[in-house]
All heavy atoms as atom14 arrays in JSON, in Angstrom:
{
  "sequence": "VVVLDVMLPGFDGLEVCRRIQHDEPVPVLMLTARDDETDMLV",
  "atom14_mask": [
    [1, 1, 1, 1, 1, 1, 1, 0, 0, 0, 0, 0, 0, 0],
    [1, 1, 1, 1, 1, 1, 1, 0, 0, 0, 0, 0, 0, 0],
    [1, 1, 1, 1, 1, 1, 1, 0, 0, 0, 0, 0, 0, 0],
    [1, 1, 1, 1, 1, 1, 1, 1, 0, 0, 0, 0, 0, 0],
    [1, 1, 1, 1, 1, 1, 1, 1, 0, 0, 0, 0, 0, 0],
    [1, 1, 1, 1, 1, 1, 1, 0, 0, 0, 0, 0, 0, 0],
    [1, 1, 1, 1, 1, 1, 1, 1, 0, 0, 0, 0, 0, 0],
    [1, 1, 1, 1, 1, 1, 1, 1, 0, 0, 0, 0, 0, 0],
    [1, 1, 1, 1, 1, 1, 1, 0, 0, 0, 0, 0, 0, 0],
    [1, 1, 1, 1, 0, 0, 0, 0, 0, 0, 0, 0, 0, 0],
    [1, 1, 1, 1, 1, 1, 1, 1, 1, 1, 1, 0, 0, 0],
    [1, 1, 1, 1, 1, 1, 1, 1, 0, 0, 0, 0, 0, 0],
    [1, 1, 1, 1, 0, 0, 0, 0, 0, 0, 0, 0, 0, 0],
    [1, 1, 1, 1, 1, 1, 1, 1, 0, 0, 0, 0, 0, 0],
    [1, 1, 1, 1, 1, 1, 1, 1, 1, 0, 0, 0, 0, 0],
    [1, 1, 1, 1, 1, 1, 1, 0, 0, 0, 0, 0, 0, 0],
    [1, 1, 1, 1, 1, 1, 0, 0, 0, 0, 0, 0, 0, 0],
    [1, 1, 1, 1, 1, 1, 1, 1, 1, 1, 1, 0, 0, 0],
    [1, 1, 1, 1, 1, 1, 1, 1, 1, 1, 1, 0, 0, 0],
    [1, 1, 1, 1, 1, 1, 1, 1, 0, 0, 0, 0, 0, 0],
    [1, 1, 1, 1, 1, 1, 1, 1, 1, 0, 0, 0, 0, 0],
    [1, 1, 1, 1, 1, 1, 1, 1, 1, 1, 0, 0, 0, 0],
    [1, 1, 1, 1, 1, 1, 1, 1, 0, 0, 0, 0, 0, 0],
    [1, 1, 1, 1, 1, 1, 1, 1, 1, 0, 0, 0, 0, 0],
    [1, 1, 1, 1, 1, 1, 1, 0, 0, 0, 0, 0, 0, 0],
    [1, 1, 1, 1, 1, 1, 1, 0, 0, 0, 0, 0, 0, 0],
    [1, 1, 1, 1, 1, 1, 1, 0, 0, 0, 0, 0, 0, 0],
    [1, 1, 1, 1, 1, 1, 1, 0, 0, 0, 0, 0, 0, 0],
    [1, 1, 1, 1, 1, 1, 1, 1, 0, 0, 0, 0, 0, 0],
    [1, 1, 1, 1, 1, 1, 1, 1, 0, 0, 0, 0, 0, 0],
    [1, 1, 1, 1, 1, 1, 1, 1, 0, 0, 0, 0, 0, 0],
    [1, 1, 1, 1, 1, 1, 1, 0, 0, 0, 0, 0, 0, 0],
    [1, 1, 1, 1, 1, 0, 0, 0, 0, 0, 0, 0, 0, 0],
    [1, 1, 1, 1, 1, 1, 1, 1, 1, 1, 1, 0, 0, 0],
    [1, 1, 1, 1, 1, 1, 1, 1, 0, 0, 0, 0, 0, 0],
    [1, 1, 1, 1, 1, 1, 1, 1, 0, 0, 0, 0, 0, 0],
    [1, 1, 1, 1, 1, 1, 1, 1, 1, 0, 0, 0, 0, 0],
    [1, 1, 1, 1, 1, 1, 1, 0, 0, 0, 0, 0, 0, 0],
    [1, 1, 1, 1, 1, 1, 1, 1, 0, 0, 0, 0, 0, 0],
    [1, 1, 1, 1, 1, 1, 1, 1, 0, 0, 0, 0, 0, 0],
    [1, 1, 1, 1, 1, 1, 1, 1, 0, 0, 0, 0, 0, 0],
    [1, 1, 1, 1, 1, 1, 1, 0, 0, 0, 0, 0, 0, 0]
  ],
  "atom14_positions": [
    [[-9.43, 7.17, 6.42], [-9.13, 6.12, 5.45], [-8.08, 6.64, 4.48], [-7.96, 7.85, 4.28], [-10.43, 5.69, 4.71], [-10.96, 6.8, 3.82], [-10.22, 4.41, 3.92], [0.0, 0.0, 0.0], [0.0, 0.0, 0.0], [0.0, 0.0, 0.0], [0.0, 0.0, 0.0], [0.0, 0.0, 0.0], [0.0, 0.0, 0.0], [0.0, 0.0, 0.0]],
    [[-7.31, 5.71, 3.9], [-6.25, 6.06, 2.96], [-6.46, 5.3, 1.66], [-6.73, 4.09, 1.67], [-4.85, 5.72, 3.53], [-3.75, 5.97, 2.49], [-4.58, 6.52, 4.79], [0.0, 0.0, 0.0], [0.0, 0.0, 0.0], [0.0, 0.0, 0.0], [0.0, 0.0, 0.0], [0.0, 0.0, 0.0], [0.0, 0.0, 0.0], [0.0, 0.0, 0.0]],
    [[-6.36, 6.02, 0.53], [-6.32, 5.4, -0.79], [-4.87, 5.45, -1.24], [-4.29, 6.53, -1.36], [-7.22, 6.14, -1.79], [-7.12, 5.49, -3.17], [-8.67, 6.15, -1.31], [0.0, 0.0, 0.0], [0.0, 0.0, 0.0], [0.0, 0.0, 0.0], [0.0, 0.0, 0.0], [0.0, 0.0, 0.0], [0.0, 0.0, 0.0], [0.0, 0.0, 0.0]],
    [[-4.26, 4.29, -1.49], [-2.81, 4.21, -1.64], [-2.42, 3.43, -2.88], [-2.75, 2.24, -3.01], [-2.23, 3.53, -0.39], [-0.73, 3.25, -0.34], [0.07, 4.53, -0.45], [-0.38, 2.5, 0.95], [0.0, 0.0, 0.0], [0.0, 0.0, 0.0], [0.0, 0.0, 0.0], [0.0, 0.0, 0.0], [0.0, 0.0, 0.0], [0.0, 0.0, 0.0]],
    [[-1.7, 4.11, -3.8], [-1.19, 3.43, -4.98], [0.03, 2.6, -4.61], [0.81, 2.98, -3.72], [-0.81, 4.48, -6.03], [-0.47, 3.86, -7.38], [-0.95, 2.74, -7.64], [0.27, 4.49, -8.15], [0.0, 0.0, 0.0], [0.0, 0.0, 0.0], [0.0, 0.0, 0.0], [0.0, 0.0, 0.0], [0.0, 0.0, 0.0], [0.0, 0.0, 0.0]],
    [[0.22, 1.46, -5.27], [1.37, 0.61, -4.97], [2.65, 1.19, -5.55], [3.69, 1.25, -4.88], [1.13, -0.82, -5.51], [2.41, -1.65, -5.38], [0.0, -1.5, -4.75], [0.0, 0.0, 0.0], [0.0, 0.0, 0.0], [0.0, 0.0, 0.0], [0.0, 0.0, 0.0], [0.0, 0.0, 0.0], [0.0, 0.0, 0.0], [0.0, 0.0, 0.0]],
    [[2.62, 1.64, -6.82], [3.82, 2.13, -7.49], [3.96, 3.63, -7.26], [3.19, 4.43, -7.78], [3.75, 1.83, -8.99], [3.6, 0.34, -9.3], [4.95, -0.66, -8.61], [6.33, -0.04, -9.58], [0.0, 0.0, 0.0], [0.0, 0.0, 0.0], [0.0, 0.0, 0.0], [0.0, 0.0, 0.0], [0.0, 0.0, 0.0], [0.0, 0.0, 0.0]],
    [[4.95, 4.01, -6.43], [5.16, 5.41, -6.07], [6.65, 5.74, -6.13], [7.49, 4.88, -5.87], [4.67, 5.69, -4.65], [3.17, 5.58, -4.37], [2.92, 5.62, -2.87], [2.41, 6.72, -5.06], [0.0, 0.0, 0.0], [0.0, 0.0, 0.0], [0.0, 0.0, 0.0], [0.0, 0.0, 0.0], [0.0, 0.0, 0.0], [0.0, 0.0, 0.0]],
    [[6.99, 7.0, -6.44], [8.39, 7.42, -6.31], [8.77, 7.6, -4.85], [7.91, 7.74, -3.99], [8.42, 8.76, -7.06], [7.02, 9.26, -7.04], [6.13, 8.05, -7.01], [0.0, 0.0, 0.0], [0.0, 0.0, 0.0], [0.0, 0.0, 0.0], [0.0, 0.0, 0.0], [0.0, 0.0, 0.0], [0.0, 0.0, 0.0], [0.0, 0.0, 0.0]],
    [[10.07, 7.6, -4.57], [10.54, 7.74, -3.19], [10.66, 6.37, -2.57], [11.75, 5.83, -2.43], [0.0, 0.0, 0.0], [0.0, 0.0, 0.0], [0.0, 0.0, 0.0], [0.0, 0.0, 0.0], [0.0, 0.0, 0.0], [0.0, 0.0, 0.0], [0.0, 0.0, 0.0], [0.0, 0.0, 0.0], [0.0, 0.0, 0.0], [0.0, 0.0, 0.0]],
    [[9.55, 5.79, -2.16], [9.44, 4.37, -1.85], [8.01, 3.96, -2.14], [7.11, 4.81, -2.2], [9.88, 4.02, -0.43], [9.38, 4.93, 0.66], [8.07, 4.85, 1.11], [10.22, 5.85, 1.26], [7.61, 5.68, 2.13], [9.79, 6.67, 2.27], [8.46, 6.59, 2.71], [0.0, 0.0, 0.0], [0.0, 0.0, 0.0], [0.0, 0.0, 0.0]],
    [[7.8, 2.66, -2.34], [6.51, 2.21, -2.87], [5.41, 2.2, -1.82], [5.63, 2.45, -0.63], [6.64, 0.85, -3.55], [7.01, -0.28, -2.59], [6.83, -0.12, -1.37], [7.45, -1.34, -3.07], [0.0, 0.0, 0.0], [0.0, 0.0, 0.0], [0.0, 0.0, 0.0], [0.0, 0.0, 0.0], [0.0, 0.0, 0.0], [0.0, 0.0, 0.0]],
    [[4.19, 1.91, -2.32], [3.03, 1.92, -1.44], [3.07, 0.87, -0.35], [2.49, 1.06, 0.72], [0.0, 0.0, 0.0], [0.0, 0.0, 0.0], [0.0, 0.0, 0.0], [0.0, 0.0, 0.0], [0.0, 0.0, 0.0], [0.0, 0.0, 0.0], [0.0, 0.0, 0.0], [0.0, 0.0, 0.0], [0.0, 0.0, 0.0], [0.0, 0.0, 0.0]],
    [[3.76, -0.25, -0.59], [3.88, -1.27, 0.45], [4.65, -0.73, 1.64], [4.27, -0.96, 2.8], [4.57, -2.51, -0.11], [3.85, -3.2, -1.28], [4.69, -4.37, -1.79], [2.47, -3.68, -0.86], [0.0, 0.0, 0.0], [0.0, 0.0, 0.0], [0.0, 0.0, 0.0], [0.0, 0.0, 0.0], [0.0, 0.0, 0.0], [0.0, 0.0, 0.0]],
    [[5.73, 0.02, 1.37], [6.51, 0.61, 2.45], [5.71, 1.72, 3.15], [5.77, 1.86, 4.38], [7.83, 1.17, 1.93], [8.73, 1.77, 3.01], [9.15, 0.77, 4.07], [9.16, -0.45, 3.79], [9.46, 1.21, 5.2], [0.0, 0.0, 0.0], [0.0, 0.0, 0.0], [0.0, 0.0, 0.0], [0.0, 0.0, 0.0], [0.0, 0.0, 0.0]],
    [[4.95, 2.49, 2.38], [4.07, 3.5, 2.98], [3.1, 2.83, 3.94], [2.91, 3.28, 5.07], [3.29, 4.27, 1.89], [2.24, 5.19, 2.54], [4.23, 5.1, 1.02], [0.0, 0.0, 0.0], [0.0, 0.0, 0.0], [0.0, 0.0, 0.0], [0.0, 0.0, 0.0], [0.0, 0.0, 0.0], [0.0, 0.0, 0.0], [0.0, 0.0, 0.0]],
    [[2.5, 1.72, 3.49], [1.52, 1.02, 4.32], [2.17, 0.5, 5.6], [1.6, 0.63, 6.69], [0.89, -0.12, 3.52], [-0.6, -0.8, 4.26], [0.0, 0.0, 0.0], [0.0, 0.0, 0.0], [0.0, 0.0, 0.0], [0.0, 0.0, 0.0], [0.0, 0.0, 0.0], [0.0, 0.0, 0.0], [0.0, 0.0, 0.0], [0.0, 0.0, 0.0]],
    [[3.36, -0.08, 5.48], [4.06, -0.57, 6.68], [4.27, 0.56, 7.68], [4.04, 0.39, 8.89], [5.41, -1.16, 6.29], [5.38, -2.48, 5.57], [6.78, -3.05, 5.42], [6.81, -4.2, 4.54], [7.12, -4.16, 3.25], [7.45, -3.0, 2.69], [7.12, -5.26, 2.52], [0.0, 0.0, 0.0], [0.0, 0.0, 0.0], [0.0, 0.0, 0.0]],
    [[4.74, 1.7, 7.19], [5.08, 2.79, 8.1], [3.86, 3.42, 8.76], [3.88, 3.7, 9.96], [5.88, 3.86, 7.34], [7.23, 3.36, 6.84], [8.1, 4.49, 6.34], [9.34, 3.98, 5.74], [10.39, 4.73, 5.47], [10.38, 6.03, 5.72], [11.48, 4.18, 4.92], [0.0, 0.0, 0.0], [0.0, 0.0, 0.0], [0.0, 0.0, 0.0]],
    [[2.8, 3.63, 7.99], [1.63, 4.27, 8.6], [0.91, 3.31, 9.54], [0.37, 3.73, 10.57], [0.67, 4.85, 7.54], [0.07, 3.76, 6.65], [1.38, 5.9, 6.7], [-0.94, 4.28, 5.63], [0.0, 0.0, 0.0], [0.0, 0.0, 0.0], [0.0, 0.0, 0.0], [0.0, 0.0, 0.0], [0.0, 0.0, 0.0], [0.0, 0.0, 0.0]],
    [[0.91, 2.02, 9.24], [0.27, 1.07, 10.14], [1.07, 0.89, 11.41], [0.52, 0.59, 12.46], [0.07, -0.28, 9.44], [-0.84, -0.24, 8.22], [-2.29, 0.08, 8.54], [-2.61, 0.65, 9.58], [-3.19, -0.25, 7.64], [0.0, 0.0, 0.0], [0.0, 0.0, 0.0], [0.0, 0.0, 0.0], [0.0, 0.0, 0.0], [0.0, 0.0, 0.0]],
    [[2.39, 1.07, 11.31], [3.23, 0.98, 12.51], [2.93, 2.13, 13.46], [2.96, 1.97, 14.69], [4.71, 1.01, 12.12], [5.66, 0.91, 13.28], [6.15, 2.03, 13.93], [6.17, -0.17, 13.93], [6.94, 1.64, 14.91], [6.97, 0.32, 14.94], [0.0, 0.0, 0.0], [0.0, 0.0, 0.0], [0.0, 0.0, 0.0], [0.0, 0.0, 0.0]],
    [[2.66, 3.32, 12.9], [2.38, 4.49, 13.73], [1.01, 4.39, 14.4], [0.87, 4.57, 15.61], [2.43, 5.77, 12.89], [3.84, 6.1, 12.41], [4.79, 5.54, 12.99], [3.98, 6.89, 11.47], [0.0, 0.0, 0.0], [0.0, 0.0, 0.0], [0.0, 0.0, 0.0], [0.0, 0.0, 0.0], [0.0, 0.0, 0.0], [0.0, 0.0, 0.0]],
    [[0.0, 4.13, 13.6], [-1.39, 4.09, 14.11], [-2.25, 3.38, 13.06], [-2.28, 3.82, 11.9], [-1.91, 5.51, 14.34], [-3.32, 5.57, 14.87], [-3.79, 7.01, 15.08], [-3.01, 7.93, 14.8], [-4.94, 7.19, 15.51], [0.0, 0.0, 0.0], [0.0, 0.0, 0.0], [0.0, 0.0, 0.0], [0.0, 0.0, 0.0], [0.0, 0.0, 0.0]],
    [[-2.92, 2.29, 13.41], [-3.72, 1.57, 12.42], [-4.75, 2.45, 11.75], [-5.44, 3.24, 12.4], [-4.4, 0.47, 13.26], [-3.51, 0.29, 14.44], [-2.95, 1.66, 14.74], [0.0, 0.0, 0.0], [0.0, 0.0, 0.0], [0.0, 0.0, 0.0], [0.0, 0.0, 0.0], [0.0, 0.0, 0.0], [0.0, 0.0, 0.0], [0.0, 0.0, 0.0]],
    [[-4.83, 2.37, 10.43], [-5.78, 3.16, 9.66], [-6.24, 2.29, 8.49], [-5.44, 1.54, 7.92], [-5.14, 4.47, 9.16], [-3.91, 4.19, 8.31], [-6.15, 5.32, 8.39], [0.0, 0.0, 0.0], [0.0, 0.0, 0.0], [0.0, 0.0, 0.0], [0.0, 0.0, 0.0], [0.0, 0.0, 0.0], [0.0, 0.0, 0.0], [0.0, 0.0, 0.0]],
    [[-7.52, 2.33, 8.14], [-7.99, 1.54, 7.0], [-7.31, 2.0, 5.71], [-7.21, 3.2, 5.45], [-9.49, 1.82, 6.96], [-9.84, 2.33, 8.32], [-8.62, 3.04, 8.81], [0.0, 0.0, 0.0], [0.0, 0.0, 0.0], [0.0, 0.0, 0.0], [0.0, 0.0, 0.0], [0.0, 0.0, 0.0], [0.0, 0.0, 0.0], [0.0, 0.0, 0.0]],
    [[-6.86, 1.04, 4.9], [-6.15, 1.35, 3.66], [-6.76, 0.55, 2.52], [-6.94, -0.67, 2.61], [-4.65, 1.01, 3.77], [-3.96, 1.15, 2.41], [-3.97, 1.88, 4.81], [0.0, 0.0, 0.0], [0.0, 0.0, 0.0], [0.0, 0.0, 0.0], [0.0, 0.0, 0.0], [0.0, 0.0, 0.0], [0.0, 0.0, 0.0], [0.0, 0.0, 0.0]],
    [[-7.08, 1.26, 1.43], [-7.47, 0.63, 0.18], [-6.33, 0.86, -0.8], [-5.99, 2.01, -1.09], [-8.78, 1.19, -0.35], [-9.35, 0.51, -1.6], [-10.88, 0.57, -1.59], [-8.82, 1.12, -2.89], [0.0, 0.0, 0.0], [0.0, 0.0, 0.0], [0.0, 0.0, 0.0], [0.0, 0.0, 0.0], [0.0, 0.0, 0.0], [0.0, 0.0, 0.0]],
    [[-5.73, -0.22, -1.31], [-4.58, -0.11, -2.2], [-5.03, -0.18, -3.66], [-5.98, -0.9, -4.0], [-3.55, -1.2, -1.93], [-2.94, -1.12, -0.55], [-1.4, -2.05, -0.37], [-0.24, -0.87, -1.07], [0.0, 0.0, 0.0], [0.0, 0.0, 0.0], [0.0, 0.0, 0.0], [0.0, 0.0, 0.0], [0.0, 0.0, 0.0], [0.0, 0.0, 0.0]],
    [[-4.34, 0.6, -4.5], [-4.57, 0.59, -5.94], [-3.36, -0.04, -6.61], [-2.22, 0.3, -6.28], [-4.76, 2.01, -6.46], [-5.87, 2.85, -5.82], [-5.84, 4.26, -6.41], [-7.24, 2.21, -6.06], [0.0, 0.0, 0.0], [0.0, 0.0, 0.0], [0.0, 0.0, 0.0], [0.0, 0.0, 0.0], [0.0, 0.0, 0.0], [0.0, 0.0, 0.0]],
    [[-3.59, -0.96, -7.52], [-2.49, -1.59, -8.23], [-2.77, -1.62, -9.72], [-3.93, -1.77, -10.13], [-2.25, -3.03, -7.72], [-1.24, -3.65, -8.52], [-3.51, -3.87, -7.8], [0.0, 0.0, 0.0], [0.0, 0.0, 0.0], [0.0, 0.0, 0.0], [0.0, 0.0, 0.0], [0.0, 0.0, 0.0], [0.0, 0.0, 0.0], [0.0, 0.0, 0.0]],
    [[-1.74, -1.45, -10.51], [-1.89, -1.47, -11.97], [-1.84, -2.89, -12.5], [-2.11, -3.12, -13.68], [-0.8, -0.63, -12.62], [0.0, 0.0, 0.0], [0.0, 0.0, 0.0], [0.0, 0.0, 0.0], [0.0, 0.0, 0.0], [0.0, 0.0, 0.0], [0.0, 0.0, 0.0], [0.0, 0.0, 0.0], [0.0, 0.0, 0.0], [0.0, 0.0, 0.0]],
    [[-1.49, -3.84, -11.65], [-1.36, -5.23, -12.09], [-2.34, -6.11, -11.35], [-2.45, -6.04, -10.14], [0.07, -5.73, -11.85], [1.12, -5.01, -12.67], [2.49, -5.57, -12.41], [2.94, -5.33, -11.04], [4.12, -5.73, -10.57], [4.93, -6.41, -11.34], [4.47, -5.46, -9.33], [0.0, 0.0, 0.0], [0.0, 0.0, 0.0], [0.0, 0.0, 0.0]],
    [[-3.01, -6.96, -12.11], [-3.96, -7.9, -11.5], [-3.19, -9.16, -11.12], [-3.41, -10.25, -11.62], [-5.07, -8.23, -12.5], [-6.2, -9.01, -11.85], [-6.25, -9.07, -10.61], [-7.03, -9.57, -12.59], [0.0, 0.0, 0.0], [0.0, 0.0, 0.0], [0.0, 0.0, 0.0], [0.0, 0.0, 0.0], [0.0, 0.0, 0.0], [0.0, 0.0, 0.0]],
    [[-2.24, -8.97, -10.19], [-1.34, -10.05, -9.79], [-1.66, -10.43, -8.35], [-1.55, -9.6, -7.45], [0.11, -9.58, -9.91], [1.1, -10.7, -9.65], [0.91, -11.45, -8.67], [2.07, -10.81, -10.41], [0.0, 0.0, 0.0], [0.0, 0.0, 0.0], [0.0, 0.0, 0.0], [0.0, 0.0, 0.0], [0.0, 0.0, 0.0], [0.0, 0.0, 0.0]],
    [[-2.06, -11.68, -8.14], [-2.5, -12.09, -6.81], [-1.36, -12.01, -5.79], [-1.6, -11.73, -4.62], [-3.07, -13.49, -6.84], [-3.77, -13.88, -5.55], [-4.6, -15.14, -5.7], [-4.11, -16.11, -6.29], [-5.74, -15.14, -5.21], [0.0, 0.0, 0.0], [0.0, 0.0, 0.0], [0.0, 0.0, 0.0], [0.0, 0.0, 0.0], [0.0, 0.0, 0.0]],
    [[-0.12, -12.24, -6.23], [1.01, -12.12, -5.31], [1.12, -10.71, -4.77], [1.29, -10.5, -3.56], [2.32, -12.52, -6.01], [2.23, -13.87, -6.47], [3.49, -12.39, -5.05], [0.0, 0.0, 0.0], [0.0, 0.0, 0.0], [0.0, 0.0, 0.0], [0.0, 0.0, 0.0], [0.0, 0.0, 0.0], [0.0, 0.0, 0.0], [0.0, 0.0, 0.0]],
    [[0.99, -9.71, -5.65], [1.02, -8.32, -5.2], [-0.11, -8.04, -4.22], [0.06, -7.33, -3.23], [0.9, -7.36, -6.39], [2.17, -7.35, -7.25], [3.2, -7.86, -6.78], [2.11, -6.83, -8.38], [0.0, 0.0, 0.0], [0.0, 0.0, 0.0], [0.0, 0.0, 0.0], [0.0, 0.0, 0.0], [0.0, 0.0, 0.0], [0.0, 0.0, 0.0]],
    [[-1.28, -8.59, -4.51], [-2.43, -8.37, -3.64], [-2.18, -8.95, -2.25], [-2.46, -8.32, -1.23], [-3.69, -8.99, -4.25], [-4.1, -8.37, -5.59], [-5.42, -9.31, -6.38], [-5.5, -8.51, -7.99], [0.0, 0.0, 0.0], [0.0, 0.0, 0.0], [0.0, 0.0, 0.0], [0.0, 0.0, 0.0], [0.0, 0.0, 0.0], [0.0, 0.0, 0.0]],
    [[-1.63, -10.17, -2.22], [-1.37, -10.82, -0.93], [-0.31, -10.07, -0.15], [-0.41, -9.94, 1.08], [-0.94, -12.27, -1.15], [-2.06, -13.23, -1.58], [-1.48, -14.59, -1.95], [-3.1, -13.38, -0.48], [0.0, 0.0, 0.0], [0.0, 0.0, 0.0], [0.0, 0.0, 0.0], [0.0, 0.0, 0.0], [0.0, 0.0, 0.0], [0.0, 0.0, 0.0]],
    [[0.72, -9.57, -0.84], [1.74, -8.78, -0.15], [1.11, -7.53, 0.44], [1.38, -7.15, 1.58], [2.9, -8.43, -1.11], [3.86, -7.43, -0.45], [3.66, -9.67, -1.52], [0.0, 0.0, 0.0], [0.0, 0.0, 0.0], [0.0, 0.0, 0.0], [0.0, 0.0, 0.0], [0.0, 0.0, 0.0], [0.0, 0.0, 0.0], [0.0, 0.0, 0.0]]
  ]
}
């Protein structure tokens, strides 16, 4: 399992999630500093 923050240097957690899921599906729990439903849906 992966615990993944959304706001990261280098590239953000959304891009991290895209890349790791492309390689091999793995359960991901994302952490976000904003209670924004759009961010959650993305």
